[in-house]
Amino acid sequence: MTTEPRSGYQYGLSRASAASVRLNCQHLLWKANTGYLLHPDIPITDGLRIADIGTGTGMWPIEVSKALPPSTRLDGFDVSGDQFPPAEWLPPNVRLSTADAFAPVPEDLVGRYDVVHLRMMVLVVRAAADLDGLLGNLVRLLKPGGYLQWSDCDPASLAAIPSRPDMAHPATSRLLEQMLAMNAARGADWSWVSALPATFAHASLTVLASARLPIAPELRAAWTGNQLLAFEEMSYVMMGPADGGTAGVGYRELLAEVTRETRAGVGLCMDMVVCVGRKGV
């Protein structure tokens, strides 16, 4: 895992302060919807070494450190350190570093971790072809008998959810149509999310748990707001460089209409998918 992103890599979202706030909110929503951060099928013992891949703001290892024995060591890795908090503010057993998860694993990290965790990789794994190298690296990080916990959203399940059956949502429907067209133009195919259990098994991981979790009704409003913030970020980062930003402006005008519909009671949600596997002893 090098400190430089792979060739052609584009994150697609912002790393500004507002984006960090959105990520931290997303973290809390994820915990509220699943009911855990570290999957309950992963045993907790003294001296665990845990890696968090794509750590972003580092909120996952920071919060997990509070729930595990002080002997636990947590290393967060991300291709960019722009959203890391100051090292002086981290818990003593948490360290954040820059690394590209798609690059070869350094020898000193091979077989080092009892648990490897990653979440929300859908913006960097756009098709099944991106999986092989990444999953191989994740397995190499694990000790024999170690656990891999992969949590993601399934963009294929993105849908408008009206709070009442008779509620119209034309703007939200147009947004979904545009998202489908944009993803198709970029060659995105997220069928790999549903196939994670089979992919784990193909990588010789024993699947211990696999779940699909729709966003709970009481969390739909908060999740929708977080989702719209991400879409707005995308409009600045990914849309319009070739035409002076016209595409991004039009997209944000549509988002304003969608926001009015969501305030009236339309949700915009996609399922969470969690898969836990264990490496052979």
Protein backbone atom coordinates (compact mmCIF):
# COMPACT_ATOMS: atom_id res chain seq x y z
CA MET A 1 0.00 0.00 0.00
CA THR A 2 1.80 3.10 -1.23
CA THR A 3 1.08 6.65 -0.12
CA GLU A 4 0.17 7.68 -3.69
CA PRO A 5 -3.26 7.03 -5.28
CA ARG A 6 -3.40 4.62 -8.22
CA SER A 7 -3.31 6.02 -11.74
CA GLY A 8 -6.65 7.44 -12.91
CA TYR A 9 -8.07 7.55 -9.39
CA GLN A 10 -10.72 10.19 -8.67
CA TYR A 11 -12.45 10.23 -5.30
CA GLY A 12 -15.52 12.08 -6.55
CA LEU A 13 -16.33 13.87 -3.30
CA SER A 14 -14.87 16.82 -1.43
CA ARG A 15 -12.36 16.71 1.43
CA ALA A 16 -13.27 20.17 2.74
CA SER A 17 -14.42 20.81 6.31
CA ALA A 18 -18.11 20.47 5.42
CA ALA A 19 -17.38 17.09 3.82
CA SER A 20 -15.70 15.93 7.03
CA VAL A 21 -18.81 16.93 8.99
CA ARG A 22 -20.91 14.93 6.51
CA LEU A 23 -18.65 11.88 6.94
CA ASN A 24 -18.87 12.06 10.73
CA CYS A 25 -22.66 12.31 10.53
CA GLN A 26 -22.68 9.34 8.15
CA HIS A 27 -20.64 7.38 10.69
CA LEU A 28 -23.22 8.02 13.41
CA LEU A 29 -26.09 7.08 11.07
CA TRP A 30 -24.32 3.86 10.14
CA LYS A 31 -23.92 2.90 13.78
CA ALA A 32 -27.55 3.78 14.53
CA ASN A 33 -28.87 1.70 11.62
CA THR A 34 -26.72 -1.41 12.15
CA GLY A 35 -26.51 -1.27 15.95
CA TYR A 36 -22.74 -1.83 16.07
CA LEU A 37 -19.38 -0.68 14.74
CA LEU A 38 -17.42 -3.92 15.14
CA HIS A 39 -19.63 -6.84 14.12
CA PRO A 40 -20.74 -8.97 17.10
CA ASP A 41 -19.50 -12.15 15.39
CA ILE A 42 -15.91 -10.89 15.73
CA PRO A 43 -14.55 -11.94 19.15
CA ILE A 44 -12.96 -9.28 21.35
CA THR A 45 -9.70 -10.29 23.01
CA ASP A 46 -6.76 -8.44 24.56
CA GLY A 47 -4.08 -7.14 22.23
CA LEU A 48 -6.13 -6.99 19.02
CA ARG A 49 -4.51 -5.31 16.03
CA ILE A 50 -7.16 -3.67 13.83
CA ALA A 51 -6.81 -1.89 10.46
CA ASP A 52 -9.45 0.50 9.10
CA ILE A 53 -9.14 0.96 5.33
CA GLY A 54 -10.47 4.19 3.82
CA THR A 55 -10.64 5.71 7.29
CA GLY A 56 -11.55 9.23 6.12
CA THR A 57 -11.81 11.34 9.28
CA GLY A 58 -10.71 8.44 11.49
CA MET A 59 -14.01 8.41 13.36
CA TRP A 60 -14.44 4.63 13.15
CA PRO A 61 -11.14 3.69 14.87
CA ILE A 62 -11.50 6.59 17.31
CA GLU A 63 -14.89 5.40 18.51
CA VAL A 64 -14.04 1.68 18.39
CA SER A 65 -11.01 2.34 20.58
CA LYS A 66 -13.33 3.41 23.40
CA ALA A 67 -15.23 0.11 23.35
CA LEU A 68 -12.25 -2.27 23.29
CA PRO A 69 -9.49 -3.08 25.80
CA PRO A 70 -6.69 -0.48 26.07
CA SER A 71 -4.27 -3.09 24.70
CA THR A 72 -6.02 -2.86 21.31
CA ARG A 73 -4.07 -1.09 18.54
CA LEU A 74 -5.98 0.54 15.68
CA ASP A 75 -4.38 1.77 12.46
CA GLY A 76 -6.46 3.86 10.07
CA PHE A 77 -5.34 4.15 6.44
CA ASP A 78 -6.57 6.47 3.72
CA VAL A 79 -5.23 7.60 0.37
CA SER A 80 -5.43 11.19 1.67
CA GLY A 81 -4.73 12.60 5.12
CA ASP A 82 -6.61 15.84 4.44
CA GLN A 83 -9.47 14.86 6.75
CA PHE A 84 -7.39 13.41 9.58
CA PRO A 85 -7.63 15.17 12.96
CA PRO A 86 -4.34 16.27 14.53
CA ALA A 87 -2.33 13.28 15.75
CA GLU A 88 -2.12 14.96 19.18
CA TRP A 89 -5.91 14.64 19.54
CA LEU A 90 -6.10 10.92 18.79
CA PRO A 91 -6.50 8.25 21.47
CA PRO A 92 -3.09 6.79 22.43
CA ASN A 93 -3.84 3.48 20.70
CA VAL A 94 -5.01 4.98 17.37
CA ARG A 95 -2.70 5.91 14.51
CA LEU A 96 -3.73 7.34 11.12
CA SER A 97 -1.54 7.04 8.01
CA THR A 98 -1.80 7.63 4.26
CA ALA A 99 -1.74 4.60 1.97
CA ASP A 100 -3.37 3.37 -1.23
CA ALA A 101 -5.26 0.16 -0.53
CA PHE A 102 -4.94 -0.91 -4.18
CA ALA A 103 -1.11 -0.86 -4.12
CA PRO A 104 0.98 -3.86 -3.02
CA VAL A 105 1.04 -4.43 0.75
CA PRO A 106 4.41 -3.61 2.38
CA GLU A 107 6.08 -6.66 3.87
CA ASP A 108 5.95 -5.22 7.40
CA LEU A 109 2.11 -5.15 7.20
CA VAL A 110 1.62 -8.66 5.81
CA GLY A 111 -0.20 -10.85 8.36
CA ARG A 112 -0.21 -8.06 10.94
CA TYR A 113 -3.91 -7.61 11.76
CA ASP A 114 -6.52 -9.61 13.62
CA VAL A 115 -9.29 -7.54 12.06
CA VAL A 116 -9.49 -5.49 8.85
CA HIS A 117 -12.47 -3.17 8.48
CA LEU A 118 -13.61 -1.06 5.56
CA ARG A 119 -16.76 0.84 4.80
CA MET A 120 -18.28 2.84 1.94
CA MET A 121 -15.94 1.89 -0.89
CA VAL A 122 -18.57 2.26 -3.63
CA LEU A 123 -16.97 5.42 -5.01
CA VAL A 124 -13.61 3.73 -5.57
CA VAL A 125 -14.77 0.20 -6.43
CA ARG A 126 -16.96 0.87 -9.44
CA ALA A 127 -17.05 -2.63 -10.88
CA ALA A 128 -16.13 -6.19 -9.98
CA ALA A 129 -12.87 -5.82 -11.92
CA ASP A 130 -11.63 -3.39 -9.25
CA LEU A 131 -12.11 -5.98 -6.51
CA ASP A 132 -9.43 -8.58 -7.11
CA GLY A 133 -6.37 -6.55 -6.18
CA LEU A 134 -8.09 -4.81 -3.29
CA LEU A 135 -9.50 -7.97 -1.72
CA GLY A 136 -6.17 -9.73 -2.14
CA ASN A 137 -4.49 -6.90 -0.24
CA LEU A 138 -7.08 -7.04 2.54
CA VAL A 139 -6.53 -10.77 2.99
CA ARG A 140 -2.74 -10.27 3.02
CA LEU A 141 -3.09 -7.80 5.89
CA LEU A 142 -4.84 -10.43 8.01
CA LYS A 143 -3.20 -12.86 10.37
CA PRO A 144 -4.22 -16.50 9.92
CA GLY A 145 -7.67 -16.75 11.48
CA GLY A 146 -8.20 -12.99 11.17
CA TYR A 147 -11.52 -11.31 10.34
CA LEU A 148 -12.55 -9.07 7.44
CA GLN A 149 -15.58 -6.80 7.95
CA TRP A 150 -16.79 -5.02 4.79
CA SER A 151 -19.73 -2.63 5.08
CA ASP A 152 -21.07 -0.72 2.10
CA CYS A 153 -24.12 0.89 0.58
CA ASP A 154 -25.69 -0.64 -2.50
CA PRO A 155 -26.30 2.12 -5.09
CA ALA A 156 -28.39 -0.33 -7.09
CA SER A 157 -31.00 -0.05 -4.32
CA LEU A 158 -31.14 3.78 -4.35
CA ALA A 159 -34.82 4.74 -4.39
CA ALA A 160 -37.29 7.44 -3.48
CA ILE A 161 -39.37 6.50 -0.43
CA PRO A 162 -42.43 8.74 0.04
CA SER A 163 -43.82 8.94 3.56
CA ARG A 164 -47.34 8.71 2.08
CA PRO A 165 -48.40 6.58 -0.90
CA ASP A 166 -50.06 9.52 -2.66
CA MET A 167 -47.01 11.80 -2.44
CA ALA A 168 -45.64 12.88 -5.82
CA HIS A 169 -41.89 13.30 -6.25
CA PRO A 170 -41.12 14.24 -9.88
CA ALA A 171 -37.83 15.99 -9.10
CA THR A 172 -36.53 13.05 -7.09
CA SER A 173 -37.49 10.70 -9.92
CA ARG A 174 -35.58 12.89 -12.39
CA LEU A 175 -32.57 12.85 -10.08
CA LEU A 176 -32.60 9.05 -9.95
CA GLU A 177 -32.81 8.89 -13.76
CA GLN A 178 -29.83 11.24 -14.06
CA MET A 179 -27.84 9.21 -11.55
CA LEU A 180 -28.49 6.01 -13.51
CA ALA A 181 -27.40 7.66 -16.75
CA MET A 182 -24.28 9.20 -15.20
CA ASN A 183 -23.22 5.93 -13.59
CA ALA A 184 -23.75 4.04 -16.84
CA ALA A 185 -21.63 6.60 -18.71
CA ARG A 186 -18.83 6.09 -16.16
CA GLY A 187 -19.02 2.32 -16.51
CA ALA A 188 -20.13 1.83 -12.92
CA ASP A 189 -21.57 -1.58 -12.07
CA TRP A 190 -22.34 -2.11 -8.42
CA SER A 191 -23.62 -5.66 -8.70
CA TRP A 192 -20.43 -6.60 -6.80
CA VAL A 193 -21.99 -5.24 -3.58
CA SER A 194 -24.69 -7.92 -3.52
CA ALA A 195 -22.09 -10.51 -4.52
CA LEU A 196 -19.72 -9.83 -1.60
CA PRO A 197 -20.44 -13.18 0.16
CA ALA A 198 -19.58 -15.12 -3.01
CA THR A 199 -16.50 -12.94 -3.54
CA PHE A 200 -15.35 -13.62 0.01
CA ALA A 201 -15.78 -17.36 -0.49
CA HIS A 202 -13.82 -17.20 -3.76
CA ALA A 203 -10.98 -15.54 -1.81
CA SER A 204 -11.00 -18.50 0.63
CA LEU A 205 -12.68 -16.51 3.40
CA THR A 206 -15.28 -18.32 5.48
CA VAL A 207 -18.39 -16.14 5.48
CA LEU A 208 -19.62 -15.72 9.07
CA ALA A 209 -22.30 -13.10 8.50
CA SER A 210 -24.02 -11.39 5.59
CA ALA A 211 -26.86 -8.90 5.89
CA ARG A 212 -28.77 -6.34 3.87
CA LEU A 213 -30.18 -3.53 6.02
CA PRO A 214 -32.62 -0.95 4.64
CA ILE A 215 -32.48 2.46 6.29
CA ALA A 216 -34.84 2.40 9.30
CA PRO A 217 -37.86 4.73 8.95
CA GLU A 218 -36.78 6.89 11.90
CA LEU A 219 -33.40 7.49 10.22
CA ARG A 220 -34.62 8.15 6.68
CA ALA A 221 -34.82 11.94 7.01
CA ALA A 222 -31.31 12.22 8.43
CA TRP A 223 -29.90 9.76 5.88
CA THR A 224 -31.60 11.62 3.02
CA GLY A 225 -30.09 14.93 4.12
CA ASN A 226 -26.64 13.33 4.31
CA GLN A 227 -27.14 11.80 0.86
CA LEU A 228 -28.09 15.15 -0.66
CA LEU A 229 -24.96 16.75 0.77
CA ALA A 230 -22.88 14.04 -0.93
CA PHE A 231 -24.67 14.63 -4.24
CA GLU A 232 -23.98 18.35 -3.97
CA GLU A 233 -20.28 17.66 -3.38
CA MET A 234 -20.24 15.44 -6.46
CA SER A 235 -21.72 18.26 -8.55
CA TYR A 236 -18.68 20.41 -7.80
CA VAL A 237 -16.00 17.72 -8.00
CA MET A 238 -17.16 15.56 -10.91
CA MET A 239 -19.47 17.66 -13.10
CA GLY A 240 -18.82 20.41 -15.56
CA PRO A 241 -15.06 20.89 -16.00
CA ALA A 242 -15.47 20.57 -19.78
CA ASP A 243 -18.32 23.04 -20.10
CA GLY A 244 -17.38 25.64 -17.50
CA GLY A 245 -19.49 24.05 -14.78
CA THR A 246 -22.85 24.23 -16.58
CA ALA A 247 -23.70 20.60 -15.83
CA GLY A 248 -22.98 21.08 -12.14
CA VAL A 249 -25.14 24.20 -11.96
CA GLY A 250 -28.08 22.41 -13.56
CA TYR A 251 -27.65 19.45 -11.24
CA ARG A 252 -27.66 21.70 -8.16
CA GLU A 253 -30.85 23.38 -9.40
CA LEU A 254 -32.44 19.92 -9.57
CA LEU A 255 -31.11 19.15 -6.08
CA ALA A 256 -32.89 22.26 -4.79
CA GLU A 257 -36.17 20.90 -6.15
CA VAL A 258 -35.42 17.48 -4.62
CA THR A 259 -34.72 19.14 -1.27
CA ARG A 260 -38.17 20.73 -1.30
CA GLU A 261 -39.69 17.29 -1.92
CA THR A 262 -37.66 15.68 0.85
CA ARG A 263 -38.76 18.38 3.30
CA ALA A 264 -42.32 17.45 2.43
CA GLY A 265 -41.64 13.82 3.32
CA VAL A 266 -39.79 12.03 0.51
CA GLY A 267 -36.81 9.89 1.49
CA LEU A 268 -33.83 9.08 -0.72
CA CYS A 269 -32.20 5.93 0.63
CA MET A 270 -30.21 2.86 -0.29
CA ASP A 271 -29.57 -0.37 1.58
CA MET A 272 -26.55 -1.05 3.75
CA VAL A 273 -24.78 -4.34 3.07
CA VAL A 274 -22.46 -5.98 5.61
CA CYS A 275 -20.28 -9.06 5.08
CA VAL A 276 -17.92 -10.64 7.62
CA GLY A 277 -15.43 -13.33 6.68
CA ARG A 278 -12.62 -15.21 8.40
CA LYS A 279 -9.25 -16.14 6.94
CA GLY A 280 -8.13 -19.73 7.28
CA VAL A 281 -5.91 -20.62 10.22
